[in-house]
Amino acid sequence: MKKLILSFALVASVLTACKSEKKDKVIATEAAEVAVVVDLNNVDVASSVITWKGTKPGGAHDGTIVLKEGSLNLEAGKLTGGSFIIDMSSIKNLDLDAGGAAKIVGHLSSPDFFDVATYATSKFVITSVAEVEGKLAVTGNLTVKDVTKSITIPAMLITTGNVTTFKSEKFNIDRAEFNVKYASKKFFDNLKDKFIDDLIELSFTVNTKA
């Protein structure tokens, strides 16, 4: 199955994003149509995971999201592309008891945040890979709520036996850029200490099938 993928063209953005401090958000730019790739569907979704963390004054919450399907394109042991379909209905909270976790997951799944009933999946498509200071600078297009932005994240590729793992460092995206508006100071005035930080910390661990 072939899929149309998007990318941005400025290599300088790759270098800048990898040199940023972890607390800074990744640089998001507009995406552009450039090529097609073959969907290999070679990712083991059962052992792959995305972690998330959101913060607000006085506290934070964290959890996981799993993949629905994915591909890692490898040539001679090097990462050349890939795509991950993210199952938004799989959002979990890990820091609260069962009742609190159910409440926050329900809110995150609602139209206030990710509107999972309307936008059941998100997507990350790798469009270019560069080596920067001994690490990989992976450029790709992140689609959330039908908004697509090109970002660059620091990552590494690890092969153990027959399994290859794509593992990113922790990075931050700005939810406001993806139309996630609830309690955002970019959309609402006079929130005082009732705001929720726009930055969401993410990390990817994606394994191929053995």
Foldseek 3Di string as FASTA:
>chain_A
DKDWFWFDDDVVLLQVQVPDDQVDAWDWADIGTDDMDDWPQFWDQVPKKKKKKWFAVPDIWIWIWTFPTKDFDDDPRDTAWMKTKTFLLRTFTDPDPPVVGVVVSVVCCPPLFQVCVVVRIKMWIFDGWDADPNWIWTWTWTAGPNQIIIGTFTWHWDDDVPKIKIKTDKHWHFRVSNVNDHQDVVVDPPCVRVHIGRIMIMIIIIMGDD
